Amino acid sequence: MVLGIDERINGVNLGNWLVLEKWMDPEPFVRTAEDDEIWMHRTHGALWSERNLAEELRRHRDAYITLEDFRVIADHGLNLVRIPVPYFIFGDWPGHPGCIAYLDRAFRWARETGLKIMIDLHTVPGSQNGFDNGGLTGVCKWAQNPDLVEYALNVLERLARRYRDEPALHSIEVLNEPVSWSVFHGTSNTAKDVREASGSTHVPLRFLKRFYRDAYARLRAILRPETIIVFHDGFRLLRWGDWFRRAGMRNVMLDTHQYLIAMEEPLFAGPARRLYLQSRHLPWLYRMLVGAREIAIRSAARHIPVLVGEWCVENRWALHGRNRADAYRQVSRLQRAAWDASAGQIYWSYQLARSAKPGSGEGKPPRDPRNGGNLEAWDLTRVWRHGWIQADAPHDDVASAPSINDNRRKGH
């Protein structure tokens, strides 16, 4: 299952392992009732002790992802795992126990199973988006503090030095989901400490380009030439054009996150919601939605290989329609065909609450702790179990789809 330089990425995210997200599995949060990982650490450490916090996190991480899970992933025909890591991974940020030993473990498992690894810096101090997946809900101030920016760059350098000679290292993503103005102001994430959140705003494109240049220069000086450096589009897929080529970057990819549940939001808002959900034209509407994203991906891919680094089959048609399984299957086929315009796709996520048997998707359906909704579609082990996505489903070759070699020839 070696991921060759021209092989399309077919992967899965190992979310909620090293970066916790309460909606995916509330269990690690039960003793504090906090909504994000940073506050869970703060409160847990204050109520008990940092040592006790470290023990709680160890129990979660030891059980949540194991060698057997890597085997399950490889056996289902996937070739890469994207591993979100926190800025405190090395354990030198006060109050936040590190987890570098687990990433070391993942590389051993990857060598044994033939999988490749993309390291994804998922959080930074002060947060880059104010999402719960950024660790600190409602706060987005990282880009305003040069010391915090430097800290993130230093973490990237340390990760690159540690793993540059690992045969399983496929790529490093320098930052997950730095938020745009429209996304930041279009979401309602309330901070626990309003004073801490004061002054929060989006990550400007001008700053993001400067940060990406710095990150590229530092990482390329350390990594092997064939190791890919990945940049998130910052929710601005079509704003980049040929910037990476003009910046002299080689062997890079642009990561875009495409969630149907977000794309369809305008259609199902307000009084038209029931009309759309009952419409016999729903399949056409979904083809239109996904087709528009495919066009955008193809446009961006004229300049740089584009990766759909997060996606999911979750959609309102399946949640509210009469034939849930058929809707999921149709939507998954639509999306996978569209993502063939890219250099590959990585599902979010491998699992939510841990199954008793690794990769089995067994047990009670996971429920959203915020509203009680069914979350099965976010759990790939359950998606496989229900047959909503065929394991090892072949991808149609698309002549115009970019390859990593194309990128290197063009001097990106």
Protein backbone atom coordinates (compact mmCIF):
# COMPACT_ATOMS: atom_id res chain seq x y z
CA MET A 1 0.00 0.00 0.00
CA VAL A 2 2.94 2.34 -0.71
CA LEU A 3 1.74 5.78 -1.77
CA GLY A 4 3.65 6.49 -4.94
CA ILE A 5 4.39 9.96 -6.16
CA ASP A 6 1.61 9.76 -8.78
CA GLU A 7 -0.87 7.75 -6.70
CA ARG A 8 -4.10 9.47 -5.75
CA ILE A 9 -4.55 9.99 -2.01
CA ASN A 10 -7.36 7.89 -0.54
CA GLY A 11 -7.22 8.50 3.18
CA VAL A 12 -8.94 9.07 6.48
CA ASN A 13 -8.47 11.56 9.30
CA LEU A 14 -7.65 10.29 12.78
CA GLY A 15 -9.66 13.03 14.44
CA ASN A 16 -10.21 13.17 18.22
CA TRP A 17 -7.10 11.15 19.00
CA LEU A 18 -4.40 13.73 19.72
CA VAL A 19 -6.68 16.77 19.31
CA LEU A 20 -9.93 16.27 21.22
CA GLU A 21 -13.33 17.39 19.92
CA LYS A 22 -16.18 16.94 22.37
CA TRP A 23 -18.89 16.44 19.75
CA MET A 24 -17.02 13.40 18.46
CA ASP A 25 -16.73 11.70 21.85
CA PRO A 26 -17.86 13.43 25.07
CA GLU A 27 -16.23 10.83 27.33
CA PRO A 28 -12.91 12.67 27.98
CA PHE A 29 -14.90 15.78 28.96
CA VAL A 30 -17.28 14.26 31.51
CA ARG A 31 -15.34 15.39 34.59
CA THR A 32 -15.25 19.06 33.59
CA ALA A 33 -18.30 19.67 31.33
CA GLU A 34 -16.16 22.06 29.25
CA ASP A 35 -16.79 22.41 25.51
CA ASP A 36 -13.26 22.56 24.11
CA GLU A 37 -9.93 20.93 24.85
CA ILE A 38 -8.05 23.96 26.16
CA TRP A 39 -10.71 24.68 28.78
CA MET A 40 -10.95 21.00 29.60
CA HIS A 41 -7.21 21.03 30.35
CA ARG A 42 -7.45 24.24 32.37
CA THR A 43 -10.40 23.12 34.47
CA HIS A 44 -9.26 19.54 34.95
CA GLY A 45 -5.80 20.65 36.03
CA ALA A 46 -7.25 23.21 38.46
CA LEU A 47 -9.78 20.83 40.02
CA TRP A 48 -7.47 17.84 40.31
CA SER A 49 -3.91 18.07 39.02
CA GLU A 50 -1.92 18.18 35.81
CA ARG A 51 -0.72 14.67 36.59
CA ASN A 52 -4.31 13.47 36.83
CA LEU A 53 -5.11 15.22 33.55
CA ALA A 54 -2.18 13.49 31.86
CA GLU A 55 -3.45 10.13 33.11
CA GLU A 56 -6.96 10.79 31.76
CA LEU A 57 -5.55 11.74 28.36
CA ARG A 58 -3.27 8.70 28.35
CA ARG A 59 -6.22 6.37 28.91
CA HIS A 60 -8.11 7.96 26.03
CA ARG A 61 -5.21 7.92 23.58
CA ASP A 62 -4.08 4.40 24.45
CA ALA A 63 -7.50 2.98 23.61
CA TYR A 64 -8.79 5.31 20.90
CA ILE A 65 -6.36 4.42 18.09
CA THR A 66 -4.27 1.23 18.04
CA LEU A 67 -2.21 -0.86 15.65
CA GLU A 68 -5.37 -2.84 14.87
CA ASP A 69 -7.04 0.35 13.61
CA PHE A 70 -4.15 0.96 11.22
CA ARG A 71 -4.60 -2.59 9.97
CA VAL A 72 -8.34 -2.02 9.47
CA ILE A 73 -7.65 1.16 7.51
CA ALA A 74 -5.12 -0.55 5.26
CA ASP A 75 -7.38 -3.57 4.77
CA HIS A 76 -10.14 -1.26 3.52
CA GLY A 77 -7.88 -0.05 0.73
CA LEU A 78 -6.87 3.34 2.10
CA ASN A 79 -3.30 4.53 1.67
CA LEU A 80 -2.88 7.50 4.03
CA VAL A 81 -3.89 8.77 7.47
CA ARG A 82 -4.02 12.48 8.26
CA ILE A 83 -3.18 12.95 11.93
CA PRO A 84 -4.26 16.22 13.59
CA VAL A 85 -1.74 17.27 16.25
CA PRO A 86 -1.89 20.09 18.83
CA TYR A 87 0.66 22.86 19.29
CA PHE A 88 1.53 21.42 22.71
CA ILE A 89 2.47 18.03 21.22
CA PHE A 90 6.01 18.24 22.64
CA GLY A 91 4.74 18.85 26.17
CA ASP A 92 6.48 22.18 26.74
CA TRP A 93 3.37 24.39 26.93
CA PRO A 94 2.39 24.79 30.61
CA GLY A 95 -0.76 22.99 31.67
CA HIS A 96 -1.07 20.90 28.53
CA PRO A 97 0.47 17.39 28.56
CA GLY A 98 2.27 16.47 25.35
CA CYS A 99 1.55 13.52 23.09
CA ILE A 100 4.60 13.13 20.83
CA ALA A 101 5.02 9.48 21.91
CA TYR A 102 1.72 8.67 20.21
CA LEU A 103 2.85 10.18 16.93
CA ASP A 104 6.04 8.10 17.21
CA ARG A 105 3.80 5.09 17.73
CA ALA A 106 1.74 5.99 14.66
CA PHE A 107 4.84 5.99 12.48
CA ARG A 108 5.76 2.51 13.72
CA TRP A 109 2.27 1.28 12.91
CA ALA A 110 2.38 2.97 9.50
CA ARG A 111 5.61 1.19 8.63
CA GLU A 112 4.07 -2.12 9.66
CA THR A 113 0.86 -1.63 7.66
CA GLY A 114 2.21 0.22 4.62
CA LEU A 115 0.23 3.39 5.26
CA LYS A 116 1.56 6.91 4.79
CA ILE A 117 1.11 9.76 7.26
CA MET A 118 0.23 13.42 6.81
CA ILE A 119 1.00 15.40 9.97
CA ASP A 120 -1.54 18.20 10.36
CA LEU A 121 -0.86 21.06 12.79
CA HIS A 122 -4.48 21.37 13.86
CA THR A 123 -4.21 23.97 16.63
CA VAL A 124 -2.04 26.95 17.53
CA PRO A 125 -1.92 29.02 20.75
CA GLY A 126 -4.57 31.72 20.65
CA SER A 127 -6.40 29.77 17.91
CA GLN A 128 -6.53 30.40 14.19
CA ASN A 129 -10.30 30.05 13.82
CA GLY A 130 -12.26 30.13 17.09
CA PHE A 131 -13.72 26.69 16.39
CA ASP A 132 -13.78 23.87 18.91
CA ASN A 133 -11.43 22.01 16.57
CA GLY A 134 -8.98 24.89 17.04
CA GLY A 135 -8.95 24.03 20.73
CA LEU A 136 -10.32 27.32 22.07
CA THR A 137 -13.90 28.13 21.14
CA GLY A 138 -14.72 31.75 20.30
CA VAL A 139 -11.11 32.98 20.38
CA CYS A 140 -9.09 33.79 17.24
CA LYS A 141 -6.03 35.90 18.10
CA TRP A 142 -3.00 33.78 17.18
CA ALA A 143 -2.16 35.77 14.04
CA GLN A 144 -1.99 39.00 16.06
CA ASN A 145 0.86 37.82 18.30
CA PRO A 146 4.32 37.42 16.67
CA ASP A 147 5.54 35.27 19.56
CA LEU A 148 2.69 32.80 19.07
CA VAL A 149 3.30 32.73 15.32
CA GLU A 150 6.97 31.97 15.95
CA TYR A 151 6.00 29.22 18.38
CA ALA A 152 3.90 27.52 15.69
CA LEU A 153 6.77 27.74 13.20
CA ASN A 154 9.09 26.22 15.78
CA VAL A 155 6.72 23.30 16.35
CA LEU A 156 6.64 22.66 12.60
CA GLU A 157 10.43 22.67 12.45
CA ARG A 158 10.70 20.23 15.34
CA LEU A 159 8.20 17.88 13.73
CA ALA A 160 10.07 18.05 10.43
CA ARG A 161 13.42 17.27 12.05
CA ARG A 162 11.98 14.39 14.04
CA TYR A 163 10.31 12.63 11.12
CA ARG A 164 12.13 13.75 7.97
CA ASP A 165 13.81 10.36 7.52
CA GLU A 166 10.68 8.34 8.29
CA PRO A 167 9.69 6.35 5.19
CA ALA A 168 6.03 6.68 6.20
CA LEU A 169 6.07 10.50 6.19
CA HIS A 170 4.10 11.67 3.18
CA SER A 171 3.51 15.32 4.06
CA ILE A 172 3.17 18.03 6.68
CA GLU A 173 0.22 20.41 6.69
CA VAL A 174 1.34 23.69 8.20
CA LEU A 175 -2.00 24.83 9.68
CA ASN A 176 -5.57 23.58 9.72
CA GLU A 177 -8.42 25.91 8.76
CA PRO A 178 -7.12 29.46 9.29
CA VAL A 179 -10.41 31.29 9.14
CA SER A 180 -11.55 33.81 6.53
CA TRP A 181 -13.54 36.98 7.24
CA SER A 182 -16.80 35.55 5.90
CA VAL A 183 -16.53 32.28 7.81
CA PHE A 184 -15.44 33.95 11.06
CA HIS A 185 -18.33 36.42 10.98
CA GLY A 186 -20.78 33.81 9.74
CA THR A 187 -20.39 31.51 12.74
CA SER A 188 -21.54 31.96 16.32
CA ASN A 189 -18.90 30.41 18.57
CA THR A 190 -19.18 31.86 22.06
CA ALA A 191 -16.04 32.08 24.16
CA LYS A 192 -16.14 31.07 27.81
CA ASP A 193 -13.94 34.05 28.74
CA VAL A 194 -15.12 37.13 26.85
CA ARG A 195 -12.03 39.08 27.91
CA GLU A 196 -9.78 36.43 26.40
CA ALA A 197 -11.81 36.58 23.19
CA SER A 198 -11.77 40.38 22.97
CA GLY A 199 -10.13 41.51 19.74
CA SER A 200 -10.63 38.19 17.97
CA THR A 201 -10.91 38.39 14.22
CA HIS A 202 -10.22 36.42 11.03
CA VAL A 203 -6.79 35.54 9.64
CA PRO A 204 -6.11 38.03 6.81
CA LEU A 205 -4.93 36.61 3.50
CA ARG A 206 -1.92 38.94 3.46
CA PHE A 207 -0.78 37.56 6.83
CA LEU A 208 -1.52 33.98 5.77
CA LYS A 209 0.66 34.30 2.67
CA ARG A 210 3.53 35.63 4.78
CA PHE A 211 3.13 32.78 7.27
CA TYR A 212 2.99 30.22 4.47
CA ARG A 213 6.20 31.60 2.94
CA ASP A 214 7.98 31.38 6.29
CA ALA A 215 6.67 27.89 6.99
CA TYR A 216 7.64 26.67 3.53
CA ALA A 217 11.17 28.08 3.77
CA ARG A 218 11.78 26.46 7.16
CA LEU A 219 10.25 23.10 6.29
CA ARG A 220 11.80 22.77 2.83
CA ALA A 221 15.23 23.38 4.36
CA ILE A 222 14.70 20.34 6.60
CA LEU A 223 12.52 17.89 4.69
CA ARG A 224 13.48 15.59 1.86
CA PRO A 225 12.64 17.02 -1.57
CA GLU A 226 9.91 14.40 -2.14
CA THR A 227 8.06 15.21 1.09
CA ILE A 228 5.01 17.32 0.32
CA ILE A 229 4.16 20.53 2.18
CA VAL A 230 0.41 21.12 2.42
CA PHE A 231 -1.36 24.45 2.87
CA HIS A 232 -5.02 24.91 3.77
CA ASP A 233 -6.94 27.25 1.50
CA GLY A 234 -8.18 29.28 4.47
CA PHE A 235 -11.74 28.93 3.09
CA ARG A 236 -10.57 30.95 0.07
CA LEU A 237 -9.98 28.24 -2.54
CA LEU A 238 -10.15 30.51 -5.57
CA ARG A 239 -8.14 33.39 -4.10
CA TRP A 240 -4.74 31.71 -4.48
CA GLY A 241 -4.38 31.45 -8.26
CA ASP A 242 -0.74 30.85 -9.20
CA TRP A 243 0.63 32.44 -6.00
CA PHE A 244 2.45 29.28 -4.88
CA ARG A 245 4.26 29.01 -8.22
CA ARG A 246 5.20 32.68 -8.17
CA ALA A 247 6.48 32.23 -4.61
CA GLY A 248 8.86 29.55 -5.89
CA MET A 249 7.32 26.70 -3.90
CA ARG A 250 7.94 23.13 -5.04
CA ASN A 251 6.11 19.92 -4.22
CA VAL A 252 3.20 21.56 -2.44
CA MET A 253 -0.55 20.92 -2.23
CA LEU A 254 -3.56 23.08 -1.41
CA ASP A 255 -5.99 21.51 1.06
CA THR A 256 -9.68 22.37 0.82
CA HIS A 257 -12.40 21.08 3.15
CA GLN A 258 -15.67 20.32 1.42
CA TYR A 259 -18.62 19.52 3.67
CA LEU A 260 -21.96 19.00 1.98
CA ILE A 261 -23.78 19.84 5.20
CA ALA A 262 -22.28 23.35 4.91
CA MET A 263 -22.81 23.68 1.14
CA GLU A 264 -26.52 22.92 1.42
CA GLU A 265 -27.18 25.35 4.30
CA PRO A 266 -28.58 28.17 2.09
CA LEU A 267 -31.03 25.76 0.44
CA PHE A 268 -32.51 24.53 3.69
CA ALA A 269 -32.66 27.81 5.58
CA GLY A 270 -36.00 29.43 6.24
CA PRO A 271 -39.43 28.48 4.90
CA ALA A 272 -38.06 26.68 1.80
CA ARG A 273 -36.60 23.92 3.98
CA ARG A 274 -39.60 21.58 3.98
CA LEU A 275 -40.28 22.19 0.28
CA TYR A 276 -36.75 21.18 -0.69
CA LEU A 277 -36.67 18.12 1.57
CA GLN A 278 -39.89 16.79 0.02
CA SER A 279 -38.92 17.64 -3.54
CA ARG A 280 -38.38 14.93 -6.14
CA HIS A 281 -35.68 17.21 -7.53
CA LEU A 282 -33.37 16.68 -4.54
CA PRO A 283 -30.93 14.44 -6.49
CA TRP A 284 -30.58 17.20 -9.08
CA LEU A 285 -30.02 19.81 -6.38
CA TYR A 286 -27.24 17.76 -4.84
CA ARG A 287 -25.61 17.19 -8.23
CA MET A 288 -25.68 20.96 -8.70
CA LEU A 289 -24.12 21.61 -5.28
CA VAL A 290 -21.35 19.06 -5.66
CA GLY A 291 -20.78 19.98 -9.30
CA ALA A 292 -20.16 23.60 -8.35
CA ARG A 293 -17.45 22.52 -5.91
CA GLU A 294 -15.88 20.28 -8.56
CA ILE A 295 -15.67 23.25 -10.92
CA ALA A 296 -13.96 25.31 -8.22
CA ILE A 297 -11.49 22.51 -7.49
CA ARG A 298 -10.65 22.12 -11.18
CA SER A 299 -10.10 25.86 -11.47
CA ALA A 300 -7.70 25.96 -8.52
CA ALA A 301 -5.99 22.75 -9.69
CA ARG A 302 -4.80 24.50 -12.86
CA HIS A 303 -2.16 26.10 -10.65
CA ILE A 304 -1.50 23.68 -7.79
CA PRO A 305 -2.61 20.13 -6.88
CA VAL A 306 -5.71 20.40 -4.72
CA LEU A 307 -6.51 17.90 -1.99
CA VAL A 308 -9.94 17.45 -0.40
CA GLY A 309 -8.46 16.97 3.05
CA GLU A 310 -11.78 16.74 4.88
CA TRP A 311 -15.21 15.65 3.68
CA CYS A 312 -18.14 13.57 4.87
CA VAL A 313 -21.35 12.05 3.48
CA GLU A 314 -23.52 13.87 6.07
CA ASN A 315 -26.45 15.68 4.42
CA ARG A 316 -30.01 16.78 5.19
CA TRP A 317 -31.50 14.64 2.43
CA ALA A 318 -30.40 11.50 4.27
CA LEU A 319 -31.24 12.90 7.70
CA HIS A 320 -34.82 13.80 6.77
CA GLY A 321 -35.63 11.69 3.70
CA ARG A 322 -37.49 8.39 3.54
CA ASN A 323 -34.62 6.25 2.25
CA ARG A 324 -31.62 7.23 4.34
CA ALA A 325 -29.23 4.54 3.11
CA ASP A 326 -29.95 5.24 -0.57
CA ALA A 327 -29.44 8.97 -0.05
CA TYR A 328 -26.07 8.39 1.61
CA ARG A 329 -24.95 6.07 -1.19
CA GLN A 330 -25.99 8.51 -3.91
CA VAL A 331 -24.33 11.43 -2.17
CA SER A 332 -21.12 9.49 -1.54
CA ARG A 333 -20.89 8.53 -5.22
CA LEU A 334 -21.48 12.13 -6.27
CA GLN A 335 -18.79 13.44 -3.97
CA ARG A 336 -16.18 10.80 -4.72
CA ALA A 337 -16.63 11.37 -8.45
CA ALA A 338 -16.26 15.13 -7.96
CA TRP A 339 -13.20 14.78 -5.74
CA ASP A 340 -11.53 12.90 -8.60
CA ALA A 341 -10.85 16.37 -9.97
CA SER A 342 -8.39 16.68 -7.10
CA ALA A 343 -5.21 14.91 -6.05
CA GLY A 344 -7.21 12.85 -3.56
CA GLN A 345 -9.58 12.84 -0.63
CA ILE A 346 -9.39 12.21 3.13
CA TYR A 347 -12.58 11.34 5.02
CA TRP A 348 -13.49 12.99 8.33
CA SER A 349 -13.24 10.96 10.44
CA TYR A 350 -12.20 7.37 11.13
CA GLN A 351 -14.44 7.00 14.19
CA LEU A 352 -16.34 8.86 16.88
CA ALA A 353 -16.93 6.95 20.11
CA ARG A 354 -14.66 3.94 20.30
CA SER A 355 -16.15 0.59 19.23
CA ALA A 356 -15.39 -2.46 21.37
CA LYS A 357 -13.81 -4.11 18.34
CA PRO A 358 -11.47 -1.81 16.37
CA GLY A 359 -12.99 -0.61 13.12
CA SER A 360 -16.24 -2.54 13.59
CA GLY A 361 -18.62 0.42 13.79
CA GLU A 362 -20.62 -1.48 16.39
CA GLY A 363 -22.51 -0.16 19.39
CA LYS A 364 -25.13 2.54 19.83
CA PRO A 365 -25.23 5.22 17.12
CA PRO A 366 -23.26 8.27 18.29
CA ARG A 367 -25.35 11.30 19.20
CA ASP A 368 -24.40 14.96 19.02
CA PRO A 369 -24.03 16.19 22.64
CA ARG A 370 -25.23 19.61 21.49
CA ASN A 371 -28.59 18.61 19.98
CA GLY A 372 -28.94 14.81 20.13
CA GLY A 373 -28.61 14.39 16.36
CA ASN A 374 -27.38 11.18 14.77
CA LEU A 375 -23.68 11.43 13.88
CA GLU A 376 -23.09 8.07 12.20
CA ALA A 377 -22.11 9.60 8.85
CA TRP A 378 -19.06 11.22 10.47
CA ASP A 379 -17.77 7.80 11.58
CA LEU A 380 -16.17 5.96 8.66
CA THR A 381 -16.25 2.63 10.50
CA ARG A 382 -20.05 2.92 10.63
CA VAL A 383 -20.25 4.18 7.06
CA TRP A 384 -18.40 1.04 5.97
CA ARG A 385 -20.61 -1.14 8.14
CA HIS A 386 -23.79 0.29 6.59
CA GLY A 387 -22.40 0.11 3.06
CA TRP A 388 -22.81 3.83 2.42
CA ILE A 389 -19.33 3.89 0.92
CA GLN A 390 -17.85 0.81 -0.68
CA ALA A 391 -14.54 -0.19 0.90
CA ASP A 392 -11.63 0.12 -1.53
CA ALA A 393 -13.95 1.72 -4.08
CA PRO A 394 -11.96 2.44 -7.25
CA HIS A 395 -11.56 5.99 -8.42
CA ASP A 396 -12.11 6.79 -12.08
CA ASP A 397 -9.03 8.25 -13.65
CA VAL A 398 -9.56 11.83 -14.72
CA ALA A 399 -7.22 12.98 -17.44
CA SER A 400 -7.10 16.55 -16.19
CA ALA A 401 -6.62 15.66 -12.54
CA PRO A 402 -3.29 17.06 -11.29
CA SER A 403 -0.52 14.78 -10.13
CA ILE A 404 2.26 15.56 -7.71
CA ASN A 405 4.74 15.14 -10.53
CA ASP A 406 2.84 17.74 -12.57
CA ASN A 407 3.30 20.12 -9.65
CA ARG A 408 7.03 19.52 -9.48
CA ARG A 409 7.48 20.01 -13.22
CA LYS A 410 5.64 23.34 -13.02
CA GLY A 411 7.95 24.49 -10.24
CA HIS A 412 5.37 24.84 -7.46
